[in-house]
Amino acid sequence: MKTIDEVLNDNGGGLYYGNRVLLPFKAEILKIVIDSDIITDFSKELKGASVRATDAYTEIYFYDYKDLEEELSKYDIIKIVLVQSGDDLFDFNNHIPIELSIESKHKLSIKKISDDIIFFE
């Protein structure tokens, strides 16, 4: 299993299929900003998003988007605040802001967002 830091340092990427995103690490998702939506509730309400972490990857389903590639432009990014699985999520130093961008068919880029950029509260 890769860590978030390993993926960021190696310029690793993720995958997307329709409304499903796969990240190559196990993480606890705290907040997602997609388009004009801020999602903090990841219950299975069939609204917003649901998250499932396995030993090898983290999976996100966006219920309000049928196909991410069709609904987001190549200039739109998905912003996420997450914590590496196993790290203390109550320690704000462990909160990692990342951005996901659609690169090509089914491929996402994953980059860390600079600490001096405020994108949501």
N, C-alpha and C. Protein backbone atom coordinates (compact mmCIF):
# COMPACT_ATOMS: atom_id res chain seq x y z
N MET A 1 0.84 -1.18 0.00
CA MET A 1 0.00 0.00 0.00
C MET A 1 0.89 1.24 0.00
N LYS A 2 0.59 2.18 -0.88
CA LYS A 2 1.31 3.45 -0.93
C LYS A 2 0.70 4.42 0.08
N THR A 3 1.53 5.35 0.52
CA THR A 3 1.03 6.42 1.38
C THR A 3 0.69 7.63 0.51
N ILE A 4 -0.01 8.58 1.10
CA ILE A 4 -0.34 9.81 0.38
C ILE A 4 0.95 10.52 -0.01
N ASP A 5 1.90 10.63 0.92
CA ASP A 5 3.17 11.30 0.63
C ASP A 5 3.93 10.63 -0.51
N GLU A 6 3.94 9.30 -0.55
CA GLU A 6 4.63 8.59 -1.64
C GLU A 6 4.00 8.94 -2.99
N VAL A 7 2.69 8.96 -3.04
CA VAL A 7 2.00 9.27 -4.30
C VAL A 7 2.29 10.71 -4.71
N LEU A 8 2.26 11.65 -3.76
CA LEU A 8 2.53 13.05 -4.08
C LEU A 8 3.98 13.24 -4.51
N ASN A 9 4.93 12.60 -3.84
CA ASN A 9 6.34 12.73 -4.19
C ASN A 9 6.67 12.10 -5.54
N ASP A 10 5.95 11.03 -5.91
CA ASP A 10 6.20 10.34 -7.17
C ASP A 10 5.33 10.87 -8.31
N ASN A 11 4.59 11.96 -8.05
CA ASN A 11 3.64 12.49 -9.05
C ASN A 11 2.69 11.40 -9.53
N GLY A 12 2.26 10.58 -8.59
CA GLY A 12 1.35 9.49 -8.92
C GLY A 12 -0.02 10.01 -9.26
N GLY A 13 -0.83 9.14 -9.76
CA GLY A 13 -2.17 9.53 -10.16
C GLY A 13 -3.21 8.55 -9.69
N GLY A 14 -4.44 8.91 -9.94
CA GLY A 14 -5.57 8.07 -9.61
C GLY A 14 -6.34 7.74 -10.86
N LEU A 15 -7.50 7.16 -10.66
CA LEU A 15 -8.37 6.76 -11.77
C LEU A 15 -9.77 7.28 -11.53
N TYR A 16 -10.53 7.44 -12.61
CA TYR A 16 -11.95 7.74 -12.49
C TYR A 16 -12.70 6.96 -13.56
N TYR A 17 -13.88 6.53 -13.21
CA TYR A 17 -14.79 5.85 -14.14
C TYR A 17 -16.18 6.37 -13.85
N GLY A 18 -16.72 7.16 -14.76
CA GLY A 18 -18.04 7.74 -14.54
C GLY A 18 -18.02 8.67 -13.34
N ASN A 19 -18.73 8.30 -12.29
CA ASN A 19 -18.78 9.12 -11.08
C ASN A 19 -17.93 8.53 -9.95
N ARG A 20 -17.07 7.60 -10.28
CA ARG A 20 -16.24 6.89 -9.30
C ARG A 20 -14.78 7.32 -9.42
N VAL A 21 -14.16 7.66 -8.26
CA VAL A 21 -12.75 8.04 -8.20
C VAL A 21 -12.01 7.01 -7.35
N LEU A 22 -10.84 6.59 -7.83
CA LEU A 22 -10.00 5.65 -7.10
C LEU A 22 -8.65 6.33 -6.81
N LEU A 23 -8.30 6.41 -5.54
CA LEU A 23 -7.04 7.00 -5.11
C LEU A 23 -6.12 5.90 -4.63
N PRO A 24 -4.83 5.91 -5.00
CA PRO A 24 -3.93 4.78 -4.74
C PRO A 24 -3.34 4.75 -3.33
N PHE A 25 -4.14 5.12 -2.33
CA PHE A 25 -3.70 5.08 -0.94
C PHE A 25 -4.94 4.96 -0.06
N LYS A 26 -4.73 4.56 1.17
CA LYS A 26 -5.83 4.44 2.13
C LYS A 26 -5.87 5.71 2.96
N ALA A 27 -7.01 6.40 2.96
CA ALA A 27 -7.12 7.69 3.64
C ALA A 27 -8.49 7.88 4.26
N GLU A 28 -8.53 8.78 5.21
CA GLU A 28 -9.78 9.25 5.80
C GLU A 28 -10.08 10.59 5.14
N ILE A 29 -11.22 10.69 4.45
CA ILE A 29 -11.61 11.91 3.75
C ILE A 29 -12.39 12.80 4.73
N LEU A 30 -11.99 14.05 4.84
CA LEU A 30 -12.66 14.98 5.74
C LEU A 30 -13.59 15.94 5.01
N LYS A 31 -13.16 16.40 3.83
CA LYS A 31 -13.95 17.38 3.08
C LYS A 31 -13.60 17.29 1.60
N ILE A 32 -14.63 17.48 0.76
CA ILE A 32 -14.43 17.52 -0.69
C ILE A 32 -15.13 18.76 -1.24
N VAL A 33 -14.43 19.46 -2.13
CA VAL A 33 -15.04 20.57 -2.86
C VAL A 33 -15.00 20.17 -4.33
N ILE A 34 -16.18 20.05 -4.92
CA ILE A 34 -16.31 19.70 -6.33
C ILE A 34 -17.32 20.65 -6.95
N ASP A 35 -16.91 21.33 -8.01
CA ASP A 35 -17.73 22.36 -8.64
C ASP A 35 -18.11 23.37 -7.56
N SER A 36 -19.37 23.61 -7.30
CA SER A 36 -19.76 24.55 -6.24
C SER A 36 -20.23 23.82 -4.98
N ASP A 37 -20.04 22.51 -4.93
CA ASP A 37 -20.49 21.70 -3.80
C ASP A 37 -19.37 21.49 -2.79
N ILE A 38 -19.69 21.66 -1.51
CA ILE A 38 -18.79 21.31 -0.42
C ILE A 38 -19.42 20.12 0.29
N ILE A 39 -18.71 19.01 0.29
CA ILE A 39 -19.25 17.77 0.85
C ILE A 39 -18.47 17.39 2.10
N THR A 40 -19.20 17.23 3.20
CA THR A 40 -18.59 16.78 4.45
C THR A 40 -19.33 15.58 5.03
N ASP A 41 -20.47 15.25 4.46
CA ASP A 41 -21.26 14.10 4.91
C ASP A 41 -21.08 12.98 3.91
N PHE A 42 -20.47 11.89 4.35
CA PHE A 42 -20.18 10.77 3.46
C PHE A 42 -21.01 9.54 3.82
N SER A 43 -22.18 9.78 4.41
CA SER A 43 -23.08 8.67 4.70
C SER A 43 -23.70 8.19 3.39
N LYS A 44 -24.36 7.10 3.44
CA LYS A 44 -24.92 6.52 2.21
C LYS A 44 -26.33 7.04 1.97
N GLU A 45 -26.46 8.36 1.89
CA GLU A 45 -27.75 9.02 1.67
C GLU A 45 -28.10 9.16 0.19
N LEU A 46 -27.23 8.71 -0.69
CA LEU A 46 -27.38 8.87 -2.13
C LEU A 46 -27.44 10.34 -2.55
N LYS A 47 -26.75 11.17 -1.79
CA LYS A 47 -26.58 12.58 -2.11
C LYS A 47 -25.16 12.94 -1.69
N GLY A 48 -24.51 13.77 -2.47
CA GLY A 48 -23.14 14.15 -2.13
C GLY A 48 -22.15 13.10 -2.60
N ALA A 49 -21.56 12.38 -1.64
CA ALA A 49 -20.57 11.38 -1.99
C ALA A 49 -20.49 10.32 -0.90
N SER A 50 -20.05 9.16 -1.28
CA SER A 50 -19.73 8.13 -0.30
C SER A 50 -18.29 7.73 -0.49
N VAL A 51 -17.66 7.29 0.60
CA VAL A 51 -16.25 6.94 0.59
C VAL A 51 -16.08 5.54 1.17
N ARG A 52 -15.18 4.78 0.55
CA ARG A 52 -14.83 3.46 1.05
C ARG A 52 -13.33 3.30 0.93
N ALA A 53 -12.68 2.95 2.03
CA ALA A 53 -11.24 2.73 2.02
C ALA A 53 -10.95 1.24 2.16
N THR A 54 -10.11 0.73 1.29
CA THR A 54 -9.65 -0.65 1.38
C THR A 54 -8.18 -0.61 1.81
N ASP A 55 -7.55 -1.74 1.91
CA ASP A 55 -6.13 -1.76 2.28
C ASP A 55 -5.24 -1.17 1.20
N ALA A 56 -5.70 -1.16 -0.05
CA ALA A 56 -4.86 -0.74 -1.16
C ALA A 56 -5.26 0.60 -1.80
N TYR A 57 -6.49 1.04 -1.61
CA TYR A 57 -6.95 2.26 -2.26
C TYR A 57 -8.15 2.85 -1.53
N THR A 58 -8.49 4.09 -1.90
CA THR A 58 -9.69 4.76 -1.39
C THR A 58 -10.59 5.06 -2.58
N GLU A 59 -11.86 4.80 -2.40
CA GLU A 59 -12.84 4.92 -3.47
C GLU A 59 -13.88 5.97 -3.08
N ILE A 60 -14.19 6.87 -4.01
CA ILE A 60 -15.20 7.90 -3.78
C ILE A 60 -16.24 7.82 -4.90
N TYR A 61 -17.51 7.78 -4.51
CA TYR A 61 -18.61 7.85 -5.47
C TYR A 61 -19.30 9.19 -5.31
N PHE A 62 -19.41 9.95 -6.40
CA PHE A 62 -20.10 11.24 -6.40
C PHE A 62 -21.51 11.02 -6.93
N TYR A 63 -22.49 11.08 -6.02
CA TYR A 63 -23.87 10.78 -6.41
C TYR A 63 -24.50 11.84 -7.30
N ASP A 64 -24.08 13.09 -7.16
CA ASP A 64 -24.71 14.18 -7.90
C ASP A 64 -24.07 14.43 -9.27
N TYR A 65 -23.14 13.58 -9.65
CA TYR A 65 -22.45 13.70 -10.94
C TYR A 65 -22.51 12.34 -11.63
N LYS A 66 -23.10 12.34 -12.82
CA LYS A 66 -23.23 11.07 -13.54
C LYS A 66 -21.90 10.65 -14.16
N ASP A 67 -21.19 11.60 -14.76
CA ASP A 67 -19.90 11.31 -15.40
C ASP A 67 -18.99 12.52 -15.19
N LEU A 68 -17.94 12.34 -14.41
CA LEU A 68 -17.05 13.46 -14.08
C LEU A 68 -16.43 14.09 -15.31
N GLU A 69 -16.04 13.29 -16.28
CA GLU A 69 -15.40 13.82 -17.47
C GLU A 69 -16.36 14.70 -18.28
N GLU A 70 -17.62 14.35 -18.31
CA GLU A 70 -18.61 15.12 -19.06
C GLU A 70 -19.04 16.38 -18.31
N GLU A 71 -19.04 16.33 -16.98
CA GLU A 71 -19.57 17.43 -16.20
C GLU A 71 -18.52 18.41 -15.70
N LEU A 72 -17.26 18.01 -15.71
CA LEU A 72 -16.18 18.91 -15.30
C LEU A 72 -15.27 19.16 -16.49
N SER A 73 -14.80 20.39 -16.62
CA SER A 73 -13.86 20.68 -17.70
C SER A 73 -12.46 20.28 -17.25
N LYS A 74 -11.53 20.31 -18.18
CA LYS A 74 -10.15 19.96 -17.83
C LYS A 74 -9.52 21.01 -16.92
N TYR A 75 -10.18 22.15 -16.77
CA TYR A 75 -9.69 23.22 -15.89
C TYR A 75 -10.29 23.13 -14.49
N ASP A 76 -11.34 22.33 -14.32
CA ASP A 76 -11.95 22.16 -13.01
C ASP A 76 -11.13 21.16 -12.19
N ILE A 77 -11.04 21.43 -10.91
CA ILE A 77 -10.34 20.49 -10.04
C ILE A 77 -11.25 20.08 -8.89
N ILE A 78 -11.00 18.91 -8.38
CA ILE A 78 -11.68 18.42 -7.18
C ILE A 78 -10.69 18.62 -6.04
N LYS A 79 -11.12 19.33 -5.01
CA LYS A 79 -10.25 19.61 -3.86
C LYS A 79 -10.68 18.74 -2.70
N ILE A 80 -9.71 18.14 -2.03
CA ILE A 80 -10.00 17.21 -0.94
C ILE A 80 -9.06 17.49 0.22
N VAL A 81 -9.59 17.43 1.43
CA VAL A 81 -8.77 17.41 2.63
C VAL A 81 -8.86 16.00 3.20
N LEU A 82 -7.70 15.39 3.40
CA LEU A 82 -7.69 14.01 3.88
C LEU A 82 -6.56 13.78 4.86
N VAL A 83 -6.60 12.62 5.51
CA VAL A 83 -5.58 12.22 6.48
C VAL A 83 -5.18 10.80 6.13
N GLN A 84 -3.88 10.54 6.16
CA GLN A 84 -3.38 9.19 5.92
C GLN A 84 -4.02 8.24 6.93
N SER A 85 -4.52 7.12 6.46
CA SER A 85 -5.11 6.13 7.35
C SER A 85 -4.10 5.73 8.42
N GLY A 86 -4.55 5.72 9.66
CA GLY A 86 -3.68 5.37 10.77
C GLY A 86 -3.10 6.58 11.48
N ASP A 87 -3.11 7.75 10.81
CA ASP A 87 -2.62 8.98 11.45
C ASP A 87 -3.75 9.60 12.26
N ASP A 88 -3.39 10.44 13.21
CA ASP A 88 -4.35 11.10 14.09
C ASP A 88 -5.10 12.17 13.31
N LEU A 89 -6.39 11.96 13.06
CA LEU A 89 -7.13 12.94 12.27
C LEU A 89 -7.49 14.17 13.07
N PHE A 90 -7.32 14.13 14.40
CA PHE A 90 -7.59 15.30 15.23
C PHE A 90 -6.39 16.25 15.30
N ASP A 91 -5.27 15.84 14.74
CA ASP A 91 -4.08 16.68 14.66
C ASP A 91 -4.10 17.38 13.30
N PHE A 92 -4.33 18.69 13.30
CA PHE A 92 -4.45 19.44 12.05
C PHE A 92 -3.19 19.38 11.20
N ASN A 93 -2.05 19.08 11.80
CA ASN A 93 -0.81 18.91 11.03
C ASN A 93 -0.87 17.71 10.10
N ASN A 94 -1.78 16.78 10.36
CA ASN A 94 -1.94 15.59 9.52
C ASN A 94 -2.93 15.80 8.38
N HIS A 95 -3.63 16.94 8.35
CA HIS A 95 -4.60 17.21 7.30
C HIS A 95 -3.84 17.60 6.03
N ILE A 96 -4.10 16.89 4.95
CA ILE A 96 -3.40 17.10 3.68
C ILE A 96 -4.40 17.57 2.63
N PRO A 97 -4.25 18.80 2.12
CA PRO A 97 -5.13 19.26 1.04
C PRO A 97 -4.55 18.84 -0.32
N ILE A 98 -5.37 18.17 -1.11
CA ILE A 98 -4.93 17.76 -2.45
C ILE A 98 -5.93 18.23 -3.49
N GLU A 99 -5.48 18.21 -4.74
CA GLU A 99 -6.38 18.50 -5.86
C GLU A 99 -6.28 17.37 -6.87
N LEU A 100 -7.42 17.05 -7.43
CA LEU A 100 -7.50 16.04 -8.48
C LEU A 100 -7.91 16.72 -9.77
N SER A 101 -7.22 16.39 -10.85
CA SER A 101 -7.54 16.95 -12.17
C SER A 101 -7.68 15.81 -13.16
N ILE A 102 -8.65 15.95 -14.06
CA ILE A 102 -8.81 14.97 -15.13
C ILE A 102 -7.70 15.19 -16.14
N GLU A 103 -6.88 14.17 -16.35
CA GLU A 103 -5.75 14.26 -17.28
C GLU A 103 -6.10 13.68 -18.64
N SER A 104 -6.55 12.47 -18.68
CA SER A 104 -6.93 11.80 -19.92
C SER A 104 -7.95 10.74 -19.55
N LYS A 105 -8.39 10.01 -20.54
CA LYS A 105 -9.43 9.02 -20.31
C LYS A 105 -9.09 8.13 -19.11
N HIS A 106 -9.85 8.28 -18.05
CA HIS A 106 -9.78 7.49 -16.81
C HIS A 106 -8.59 7.80 -15.92
N LYS A 107 -7.74 8.78 -16.25
CA LYS A 107 -6.58 9.10 -15.42
C LYS A 107 -6.76 10.45 -14.73
N LEU A 108 -6.39 10.48 -13.44
CA LEU A 108 -6.43 11.71 -12.65
C LEU A 108 -5.04 12.06 -12.18
N SER A 109 -4.72 13.32 -12.16
CA SER A 109 -3.47 13.75 -11.51
C SER A 109 -3.82 14.08 -10.06
N ILE A 110 -2.85 13.85 -9.18
CA ILE A 110 -3.01 14.15 -7.76
C ILE A 110 -1.86 15.06 -7.35
N LYS A 111 -2.21 16.24 -6.83
CA LYS A 111 -1.18 17.20 -6.41
C LYS A 111 -1.56 17.77 -5.06
N LYS A 112 -0.55 18.10 -4.28
CA LYS A 112 -0.79 18.76 -3.00
C LYS A 112 -1.09 20.23 -3.26
N ILE A 113 -2.04 20.76 -2.52
CA ILE A 113 -2.37 22.17 -2.60
C ILE A 113 -1.50 22.90 -1.60
N SER A 114 -0.90 23.98 -2.04
CA SER A 114 -0.03 24.77 -1.20
C SER A 114 -0.77 25.24 0.05
N ASP A 115 -0.06 25.26 1.18
CA ASP A 115 -0.66 25.67 2.45
C ASP A 115 -1.13 27.12 2.44
N ASP A 116 -0.55 27.96 1.59
CA ASP A 116 -0.93 29.37 1.58
C ASP A 116 -2.14 29.66 0.70
N ILE A 117 -2.70 28.65 0.07
CA ILE A 117 -3.90 28.83 -0.75
C ILE A 117 -5.12 28.40 0.07
N ILE A 118 -6.04 29.32 0.28
CA ILE A 118 -7.26 29.01 1.01
C ILE A 118 -8.36 28.77 -0.03
N PHE A 119 -8.94 27.58 0.00
CA PHE A 119 -9.97 27.31 -1.00
C PHE A 119 -11.32 27.01 -0.41
N PHE A 120 -11.44 26.87 0.89
CA PHE A 120 -12.73 26.70 1.54
C PHE A 120 -12.54 26.76 3.04
N GLU A 121 -13.61 26.96 3.74
CA GLU A 121 -13.57 26.97 5.21
C GLU A 121 -14.52 25.94 5.75
